[in-house]
Amino acid sequence: MDHNRSIEIRSKVFRLFVNAICGLGLLTCASSPPSALAEGETFKAPIPKPAGQPSQRPPQKVAPALPSTAPPTLQGGKKPDKPEPVNFENEIKRLNALINLQDRNVEALFNRAWLYDSRGDLAMAEKDYSRVIEIDKKHKDAYYNRGLVYTKMKKHAEAVRDFSEVIALEPGVADAYCNRGNAYLRLGKADLALKDYDSAIKAKQNDADLYFNRGLANLAMGAKAKAVADFKRASEMGHPNANKYLKQ
């Protein structure tokens, strides 16, 4: 299985998990980040945690910053299993204890960063991801996730830099192009956003989010015909917000 396909599958799993725990009231999900456009861009999920967890039963990763959308239809009509409740405080205490003993434990720092992010403590998440990068300057997952943290902090220039690092370390990662395009769009650089969405679509042609986001960039550029074509494609692929733009 290639890397992009793997990320796509994990992203769908994260979306199912987010919707499931929100429905159970186990976590208050963040609303979609504000955008100059009505619905805003579709963001991609964080990179999963590394193998070899410091906790015996670590929490499953949730995808922050994703808009609230209906989960994909499962084959055979099966419903996802209900996730077990996660005690975030206990998990953080375990990770704190491990980091106190091993202050350069990249996996523990990475996992604690995600925990902070998942409960909305963005400053602490940024600090831990930055520590991971300080220890391992080629840790593309930490750059990727910190880029999403910066996006939620409205530090879009910093987000651009982090997603650029991901792309430099692993060219052709569609999700990194997508999220960098989102950051460019929020910086008012629709031309650069358009180039990133083009690169993302070249790497992953069957992703409705990418066509929807490119439609927003084309709309911002005043290319209405191209925007309509992208929204139609996204709608045909099941994007939940595309039809709203087609009706305008």
C-alpha atoms as a PDB file:
ATOM      1  CA  MET A   1       0.000   0.000   0.000  1.00  0.00           C
ATOM      2  CA  ASP A   2       1.530   3.377  -1.002  1.00  0.00           C
ATOM      3  CA  HIS A   3       1.986   6.215   1.468  1.00  0.00           C
ATOM      4  CA  ASN A   4      -0.798   8.455   0.156  1.00  0.00           C
ATOM      5  CA  ARG A   5      -3.317   5.599   0.190  1.00  0.00           C
ATOM      6  CA  SER A   6      -2.278   4.775   3.767  1.00  0.00           C
ATOM      7  CA  ILE A   7      -2.819   8.372   4.896  1.00  0.00           C
ATOM      8  CA  GLU A   8      -6.193   8.479   3.110  1.00  0.00           C
ATOM      9  CA  ILE A   9      -7.408   5.356   4.950  1.00  0.00           C
ATOM     10  CA  ARG A  10      -6.169   6.627   8.311  1.00  0.00           C
ATOM     11  CA  SER A  11      -7.809   9.988   7.692  1.00  0.00           C
ATOM     12  CA  LYS A  12     -11.174   8.288   7.144  1.00  0.00           C
ATOM     13  CA  VAL A  13     -10.705   6.290  10.358  1.00  0.00           C
ATOM     14  CA  PHE A  14      -9.987   9.488  12.269  1.00  0.00           C
ATOM     15  CA  ARG A  15     -13.161  11.116  10.900  1.00  0.00           C
ATOM     16  CA  LEU A  16     -15.246   8.139  12.005  1.00  0.00           C
ATOM     17  CA  PHE A  17     -13.672   8.319  15.447  1.00  0.00           C
ATOM     18  CA  VAL A  18     -14.251  12.055  15.798  1.00  0.00           C
ATOM     19  CA  ASN A  19     -17.931  11.720  14.909  1.00  0.00           C
ATOM     20  CA  ALA A  20     -18.344   8.735  17.215  1.00  0.00           C
ATOM     21  CA  ILE A  21     -16.861  10.361  20.306  1.00  0.00           C
ATOM     22  CA  CYS A  22     -18.684  13.604  19.681  1.00  0.00           C
ATOM     23  CA  GLY A  23     -21.916  11.640  19.575  1.00  0.00           C
ATOM     24  CA  LEU A  24     -21.068  10.002  22.895  1.00  0.00           C
ATOM     25  CA  GLY A  25     -20.247  13.326  24.512  1.00  0.00           C
ATOM     26  CA  LEU A  26     -16.722  12.177  25.390  1.00  0.00           C
ATOM     27  CA  LEU A  27     -15.051  15.155  23.810  1.00  0.00           C
ATOM     28  CA  THR A  28     -16.113  18.628  22.798  1.00  0.00           C
ATOM     29  CA  CYS A  29     -15.159  18.894  19.150  1.00  0.00           C
ATOM     30  CA  ALA A  30     -13.711  22.163  17.909  1.00  0.00           C
ATOM     31  CA  SER A  31     -15.766  24.001  15.350  1.00  0.00           C
ATOM     32  CA  SER A  32     -14.391  24.570  11.878  1.00  0.00           C
ATOM     33  CA  PRO A  33     -11.719  27.265  11.869  1.00  0.00           C
ATOM     34  CA  PRO A  34     -12.957  30.624  10.578  1.00  0.00           C
ATOM     35  CA  SER A  35     -12.505  31.446   6.917  1.00  0.00           C
ATOM     36  CA  ALA A  36     -13.038  34.433   4.673  1.00  0.00           C
ATOM     37  CA  LEU A  37     -15.246  32.117   2.631  1.00  0.00           C
ATOM     38  CA  ALA A  38     -18.559  30.757   3.842  1.00  0.00           C
ATOM     39  CA  GLU A  39     -17.776  27.091   4.491  1.00  0.00           C
ATOM     40  CA  GLY A  40     -13.987  27.191   4.690  1.00  0.00           C
ATOM     41  CA  GLU A  41     -11.448  24.716   3.464  1.00  0.00           C
ATOM     42  CA  THR A  42     -11.356  21.033   4.309  1.00  0.00           C
ATOM     43  CA  PHE A  43      -8.355  20.178   6.456  1.00  0.00           C
ATOM     44  CA  LYS A  44      -6.563  16.856   6.496  1.00  0.00           C
ATOM     45  CA  ALA A  45      -5.989  14.717   9.575  1.00  0.00           C
ATOM     46  CA  PRO A  46      -2.792  14.620  11.626  1.00  0.00           C
ATOM     47  CA  ILE A  47      -0.203  11.911  11.060  1.00  0.00           C
ATOM     48  CA  PRO A  48      -0.777   8.899  13.351  1.00  0.00           C
ATOM     49  CA  LYS A  49       1.413   8.319  16.364  1.00  0.00           C
ATOM     50  CA  PRO A  50       4.659   6.355  15.985  1.00  0.00           C
ATOM     51  CA  ALA A  51       4.808   2.688  16.921  1.00  0.00           C
ATOM     52  CA  GLY A  52       5.988   1.595  20.343  1.00  0.00           C
ATOM     53  CA  GLN A  53       3.797   3.662  22.614  1.00  0.00           C
ATOM     54  CA  PRO A  54       5.012   4.771  26.051  1.00  0.00           C
ATOM     55  CA  SER A  55       1.607   3.966  27.567  1.00  0.00           C
ATOM     56  CA  GLN A  56       0.301   0.424  27.779  1.00  0.00           C
ATOM     57  CA  ARG A  57      -3.062   1.533  26.448  1.00  0.00           C
ATOM     58  CA  PRO A  58      -2.594   4.870  24.701  1.00  0.00           C
ATOM     59  CA  PRO A  59      -5.601   6.853  23.515  1.00  0.00           C
ATOM     60  CA  GLN A  60      -6.587   6.574  19.880  1.00  0.00           C
ATOM     61  CA  LYS A  61      -5.669   9.684  17.944  1.00  0.00           C
ATOM     62  CA  VAL A  62      -8.402  12.155  17.130  1.00  0.00           C
ATOM     63  CA  ALA A  63      -8.214  14.450  14.128  1.00  0.00           C
ATOM     64  CA  PRO A  64      -8.362  18.084  15.310  1.00  0.00           C
ATOM     65  CA  ALA A  65      -9.365  20.918  12.983  1.00  0.00           C
ATOM     66  CA  LEU A  66     -11.530  18.747  10.758  1.00  0.00           C
ATOM     67  CA  PRO A  67     -14.924  20.187   9.879  1.00  0.00           C
ATOM     68  CA  SER A  68     -17.946  18.302  11.118  1.00  0.00           C
ATOM     69  CA  THR A  69     -19.012  16.018   8.271  1.00  0.00           C
ATOM     70  CA  ALA A  70     -20.946  12.796   7.954  1.00  0.00           C
ATOM     71  CA  PRO A  71     -18.717   9.700   8.240  1.00  0.00           C
ATOM     72  CA  PRO A  72     -18.096   7.627   5.108  1.00  0.00           C
ATOM     73  CA  THR A  73     -20.479   4.766   4.411  1.00  0.00           C
ATOM     74  CA  LEU A  74     -19.032   1.482   5.600  1.00  0.00           C
ATOM     75  CA  GLN A  75     -19.185  -1.638   3.477  1.00  0.00           C
ATOM     76  CA  GLY A  76     -21.944  -4.043   4.418  1.00  0.00           C
ATOM     77  CA  GLY A  77     -23.751  -1.384   6.428  1.00  0.00           C
ATOM     78  CA  LYS A  78     -21.639  -2.041   9.527  1.00  0.00           C
ATOM     79  CA  LYS A  79     -21.424   0.645  12.162  1.00  0.00           C
ATOM     80  CA  PRO A  80     -18.101   1.515  13.807  1.00  0.00           C
ATOM     81  CA  ASP A  81     -17.559   0.119  17.286  1.00  0.00           C
ATOM     82  CA  LYS A  82     -18.073   2.605  20.077  1.00  0.00           C
ATOM     83  CA  PRO A  83     -14.690   3.851  21.271  1.00  0.00           C
ATOM     84  CA  GLU A  84     -13.743   3.396  24.896  1.00  0.00           C
ATOM     85  CA  PRO A  85     -13.635   6.540  27.028  1.00  0.00           C
ATOM     86  CA  VAL A  86     -10.191   8.115  27.233  1.00  0.00           C
ATOM     87  CA  ASN A  87      -8.829   9.539  30.473  1.00  0.00           C
ATOM     88  CA  PHE A  88      -6.662  12.332  29.146  1.00  0.00           C
ATOM     89  CA  GLU A  89      -5.340  13.376  32.567  1.00  0.00           C
ATOM     90  CA  ASN A  90      -4.086   9.883  33.362  1.00  0.00           C
ATOM     91  CA  GLU A  91      -2.455   9.582  29.960  1.00  0.00           C
ATOM     92  CA  ILE A  92      -0.673  12.904  30.370  1.00  0.00           C
ATOM     93  CA  LYS A  93       0.502  11.914  33.857  1.00  0.00           C
ATOM     94  CA  ARG A  94       2.008   8.713  32.452  1.00  0.00           C
ATOM     95  CA  LEU A  95       3.755  10.594  29.697  1.00  0.00           C
ATOM     96  CA  ASN A  96       5.002  13.244  32.131  1.00  0.00           C
ATOM     97  CA  ALA A  97       6.555  10.533  34.282  1.00  0.00           C
ATOM     98  CA  LEU A  98       8.278   8.976  31.282  1.00  0.00           C
ATOM     99  CA  ILE A  99       9.528  12.320  29.955  1.00  0.00           C
ATOM    100  CA  ASN A 100      10.905  13.196  33.407  1.00  0.00           C
ATOM    101  CA  LEU A 101      13.066  10.080  33.140  1.00  0.00           C
ATOM    102  CA  GLN A 102      13.795  10.379  29.410  1.00  0.00           C
ATOM    103  CA  ASP A 103      13.589  14.015  28.366  1.00  0.00           C
ATOM    104  CA  ARG A 104      14.599  13.194  24.778  1.00  0.00           C
ATOM    105  CA  ASN A 105      11.976  10.485  24.269  1.00  0.00           C
ATOM    106  CA  VAL A 106      10.576  11.618  20.913  1.00  0.00           C
ATOM    107  CA  GLU A 107       7.583   9.272  20.931  1.00  0.00           C
ATOM    108  CA  ALA A 108       6.485  10.347  24.409  1.00  0.00           C
ATOM    109  CA  LEU A 109       6.815  14.035  23.524  1.00  0.00           C
ATOM    110  CA  PHE A 110       4.968  13.509  20.249  1.00  0.00           C
ATOM    111  CA  ASN A 111       2.102  11.690  21.960  1.00  0.00           C
ATOM    112  CA  ARG A 112       1.841  14.284  24.723  1.00  0.00           C
ATOM    113  CA  ALA A 113       1.694  17.006  22.085  1.00  0.00           C
ATOM    114  CA  TRP A 114      -1.270  15.286  20.488  1.00  0.00           C
ATOM    115  CA  LEU A 115      -3.007  14.951  23.863  1.00  0.00           C
ATOM    116  CA  TYR A 116      -2.591  18.667  24.549  1.00  0.00           C
ATOM    117  CA  ASP A 117      -3.844  19.487  21.062  1.00  0.00           C
ATOM    118  CA  SER A 118      -6.877  17.213  21.409  1.00  0.00           C
ATOM    119  CA  ARG A 119      -8.052  19.047  24.516  1.00  0.00           C
ATOM    120  CA  GLY A 120      -7.371  22.468  23.017  1.00  0.00           C
ATOM    121  CA  ASP A 121      -4.131  23.349  24.836  1.00  0.00           C
ATOM    122  CA  LEU A 122      -2.448  24.583  21.663  1.00  0.00           C
ATOM    123  CA  ALA A 123       0.453  26.375  23.359  1.00  0.00           C
ATOM    124  CA  MET A 124       1.573  23.190  25.127  1.00  0.00           C
ATOM    125  CA  ALA A 125       1.075  21.143  21.954  1.00  0.00           C
ATOM    126  CA  GLU A 126       3.223  23.606  20.013  1.00  0.00           C
ATOM    127  CA  LYS A 127       5.912  23.410  22.700  1.00  0.00           C
ATOM    128  CA  ASP A 128       6.078  19.615  22.619  1.00  0.00           C
ATOM    129  CA  TYR A 129       6.065  19.347  18.827  1.00  0.00           C
ATOM    130  CA  SER A 130       8.819  21.972  18.747  1.00  0.00           C
ATOM    131  CA  ARG A 131      10.829  19.918  21.234  1.00  0.00           C
ATOM    132  CA  VAL A 132      10.435  16.850  19.005  1.00  0.00           C
ATOM    133  CA  ILE A 133      11.718  18.851  16.032  1.00  0.00           C
ATOM    134  CA  GLU A 134      14.608  20.205  18.106  1.00  0.00           C
ATOM    135  CA  ILE A 135      15.672  16.618  18.844  1.00  0.00           C
ATOM    136  CA  ASP A 136      14.944  15.264  15.356  1.00  0.00           C
ATOM    137  CA  LYS A 137      14.998  17.932  12.669  1.00  0.00           C
ATOM    138  CA  LYS A 138      13.731  15.444  10.082  1.00  0.00           C
ATOM    139  CA  HIS A 139      10.620  14.377  12.027  1.00  0.00           C
ATOM    140  CA  LYS A 140       8.096  15.140   9.287  1.00  0.00           C
ATOM    141  CA  ASP A 141       5.121  13.988  11.394  1.00  0.00           C
ATOM    142  CA  ALA A 142       5.914  16.608  14.044  1.00  0.00           C
ATOM    143  CA  TYR A 143       6.208  19.323  11.385  1.00  0.00           C
ATOM    144  CA  TYR A 144       2.891  18.199   9.894  1.00  0.00           C
ATOM    145  CA  ASN A 145       0.984  18.169  13.171  1.00  0.00           C
ATOM    146  CA  ARG A 146       2.555  21.413  14.375  1.00  0.00           C
ATOM    147  CA  GLY A 147       1.428  22.953  11.098  1.00  0.00           C
ATOM    148  CA  LEU A 148      -2.149  22.070  12.003  1.00  0.00           C
ATOM    149  CA  VAL A 149      -1.652  23.529  15.489  1.00  0.00           C
ATOM    150  CA  TYR A 150      -0.361  26.769  13.947  1.00  0.00           C
ATOM    151  CA  THR A 151      -3.391  26.818  11.645  1.00  0.00           C
ATOM    152  CA  LYS A 152      -5.738  26.691  14.629  1.00  0.00           C
ATOM    153  CA  MET A 153      -3.662  29.402  16.301  1.00  0.00           C
ATOM    154  CA  LYS A 154      -4.097  31.511  13.123  1.00  0.00           C
ATOM    155  CA  LYS A 155      -0.320  31.533  12.639  1.00  0.00           C
ATOM    156  CA  HIS A 156      -0.669  30.809   8.951  1.00  0.00           C
ATOM    157  CA  ALA A 157       2.831  31.887   7.915  1.00  0.00           C
ATOM    158  CA  GLU A 158       4.297  29.450  10.461  1.00  0.00           C
ATOM    159  CA  ALA A 159       1.945  26.751   9.178  1.00  0.00           C
ATOM    160  CA  VAL A 160       3.217  27.334   5.643  1.00  0.00           C
ATOM    161  CA  ARG A 161       6.791  26.823   6.835  1.00  0.00           C
ATOM    162  CA  ASP A 162       5.971  23.573   8.614  1.00  0.00           C
ATOM    163  CA  PHE A 163       4.046  22.054   5.709  1.00  0.00           C
ATOM    164  CA  SER A 164       6.882  23.135   3.425  1.00  0.00           C
ATOM    165  CA  GLU A 165       9.277  21.140   5.620  1.00  0.00           C
ATOM    166  CA  VAL A 166       7.040  18.087   5.241  1.00  0.00           C
ATOM    167  CA  ILE A 167       7.037  18.476   1.467  1.00  0.00           C
ATOM    168  CA  ALA A 168      10.813  18.927   1.408  1.00  0.00           C
ATOM    169  CA  LEU A 169      11.306  15.779   3.485  1.00  0.00           C
ATOM    170  CA  GLU A 170       8.796  13.739   1.501  1.00  0.00           C
ATOM    171  CA  PRO A 171       7.742  15.255  -1.836  1.00  0.00           C
ATOM    172  CA  GLY A 172       4.363  14.209  -3.170  1.00  0.00           C
ATOM    173  CA  VAL A 173       2.426  14.035   0.116  1.00  0.00           C
ATOM    174  CA  ALA A 174      -0.996  15.246  -0.986  1.00  0.00           C
ATOM    175  CA  ASP A 175      -2.254  16.119   2.493  1.00  0.00           C
ATOM    176  CA  ALA A 176       0.706  18.414   3.160  1.00  0.00           C
ATOM    177  CA  TYR A 177       0.056  20.258  -0.109  1.00  0.00           C
ATOM    178  CA  CYS A 178      -3.625  20.500   0.813  1.00  0.00           C
ATOM    179  CA  ASN A 179      -2.995  22.006   4.234  1.00  0.00           C
ATOM    180  CA  ARG A 180      -0.292  24.355   2.954  1.00  0.00           C
ATOM    181  CA  GLY A 181      -2.728  25.489   0.282  1.00  0.00           C
ATOM    182  CA  ASN A 182      -5.258  26.230   3.018  1.00  0.00           C
ATOM    183  CA  ALA A 183      -2.694  28.340   4.866  1.00  0.00           C
ATOM    184  CA  TYR A 184      -1.824  30.258   1.695  1.00  0.00           C
ATOM    185  CA  LEU A 185      -5.521  30.876   1.047  1.00  0.00           C
ATOM    186  CA  ARG A 186      -5.928  32.382   4.506  1.00  0.00           C
ATOM    187  CA  LEU A 187      -2.918  34.587   3.896  1.00  0.00           C
ATOM    188  CA  GLY A 188      -4.636  35.962   0.805  1.00  0.00           C
ATOM    189  CA  LYS A 189      -2.247  34.161  -1.546  1.00  0.00           C
ATOM    190  CA  ALA A 190      -4.819  32.345  -3.655  1.00  0.00           C
ATOM    191  CA  ASP A 191      -2.365  31.892  -6.527  1.00  0.00           C
ATOM    192  CA  LEU A 192       0.015  29.885  -4.344  1.00  0.00           C
ATOM    193  CA  ALA A 193      -2.897  27.974  -2.837  1.00  0.00           C
ATOM    194  CA  LEU A 194      -4.042  27.036  -6.331  1.00  0.00           C
ATOM    195  CA  LYS A 195      -0.609  25.637  -7.183  1.00  0.00           C
ATOM    196  CA  ASP A 196      -0.616  23.528  -4.017  1.00  0.00           C
ATOM    197  CA  TYR A 197      -4.087  22.130  -4.683  1.00  0.00           C
ATOM    198  CA  ASP A 198      -2.964  21.263  -8.226  1.00  0.00           C
ATOM    199  CA  SER A 199       0.028  19.386  -6.791  1.00  0.00           C
ATOM    200  CA  ALA A 200      -2.191  17.611  -4.265  1.00  0.00           C
ATOM    201  CA  ILE A 201      -4.649  16.512  -6.969  1.00  0.00           C
ATOM    202  CA  LYS A 202      -1.773  15.262  -9.107  1.00  0.00           C
ATOM    203  CA  ALA A 203      -0.684  13.063  -6.188  1.00  0.00           C
ATOM    204  CA  LYS A 204      -4.209  11.961  -5.166  1.00  0.00           C
ATOM    205  CA  GLN A 205      -6.785  12.365  -7.925  1.00  0.00           C
ATOM    206  CA  ASN A 206      -9.806  10.847  -6.186  1.00  0.00           C
ATOM    207  CA  ASP A 207     -10.021  13.143  -3.174  1.00  0.00           C
ATOM    208  CA  ALA A 208     -13.141  15.316  -3.048  1.00  0.00           C
ATOM    209  CA  ASP A 209     -11.609  17.669  -0.473  1.00  0.00           C
ATOM    210  CA  LEU A 210      -8.895  18.715  -2.909  1.00  0.00           C
ATOM    211  CA  TYR A 211     -11.339  19.658  -5.682  1.00  0.00           C
ATOM    212  CA  PHE A 212     -13.512  21.542  -3.199  1.00  0.00           C
ATOM    213  CA  ASN A 213     -10.534  23.493  -1.865  1.00  0.00           C
ATOM    214  CA  ARG A 214      -9.284  24.241  -5.366  1.00  0.00           C
ATOM    215  CA  GLY A 215     -12.766  25.516  -6.171  1.00  0.00           C
ATOM    216  CA  LEU A 216     -12.430  28.000  -3.304  1.00  0.00           C
ATOM    217  CA  ALA A 217      -9.046  29.129  -4.617  1.00  0.00           C
ATOM    218  CA  ASN A 218     -10.411  29.553  -8.135  1.00  0.00           C
ATOM    219  CA  LEU A 219     -13.339  31.501  -6.722  1.00  0.00           C
ATOM    220  CA  ALA A 220     -10.941  33.785  -4.858  1.00  0.00           C
ATOM    221  CA  MET A 221      -9.010  34.291  -8.111  1.00  0.00           C
ATOM    222  CA  GLY A 222     -12.205  35.268  -9.943  1.00  0.00           C
ATOM    223  CA  ALA A 223     -12.121  32.147 -12.144  1.00  0.00           C
ATOM    224  CA  LYS A 224     -15.794  31.293 -11.635  1.00  0.00           C
ATOM    225  CA  ALA A 225     -16.056  28.739 -14.457  1.00  0.00           C
ATOM    226  CA  LYS A 226     -13.112  26.764 -13.113  1.00  0.00           C
ATOM    227  CA  ALA A 227     -14.514  27.021  -9.594  1.00  0.00           C
ATOM    228  CA  VAL A 228     -17.877  25.621 -10.745  1.00  0.00           C
ATOM    229  CA  ALA A 229     -16.109  22.732 -12.496  1.00  0.00           C
ATOM    230  CA  ASP A 230     -14.219  21.910  -9.293  1.00  0.00           C
ATOM    231  CA  PHE A 231     -17.323  22.142  -7.118  1.00  0.00           C
ATOM    232  CA  LYS A 232     -19.197  19.851  -9.531  1.00  0.00           C
ATOM    233  CA  ARG A 233     -16.391  17.309  -9.358  1.00  0.00           C
ATOM    234  CA  ALA A 234     -16.297  17.530  -5.563  1.00  0.00           C
ATOM    235  CA  SER A 235     -20.082  17.144  -5.399  1.00  0.00           C
ATOM    236  CA  GLU A 236     -19.991  14.064  -7.619  1.00  0.00           C
ATOM    237  CA  MET A 237     -17.426  12.588  -5.249  1.00  0.00           C
ATOM    238  CA  GLY A 238     -19.646  13.261  -2.238  1.00  0.00           C
ATOM    239  CA  HIS A 239     -18.212  16.418  -0.678  1.00  0.00           C
ATOM    240  CA  PRO A 240     -20.869  17.733   1.759  1.00  0.00           C
ATOM    241  CA  ASN A 241     -20.377  21.456   1.078  1.00  0.00           C
ATOM    242  CA  ALA A 242     -19.893  21.569  -2.684  1.00  0.00           C
ATOM    243  CA  ASN A 243     -23.581  21.816  -3.597  1.00  0.00           C
ATOM    244  CA  LYS A 244     -23.983  24.975  -1.512  1.00  0.00           C
ATOM    245  CA  TYR A 245     -21.548  26.746  -3.819  1.00  0.00           C
ATOM    246  CA  LEU A 246     -23.144  25.364  -6.950  1.00  0.00           C
ATOM    247  CA  LYS A 247     -26.469  26.885  -5.876  1.00  0.00           C
ATOM    248  CA  GLN A 248     -24.997  30.354  -5.473  1.00  0.00           C
END
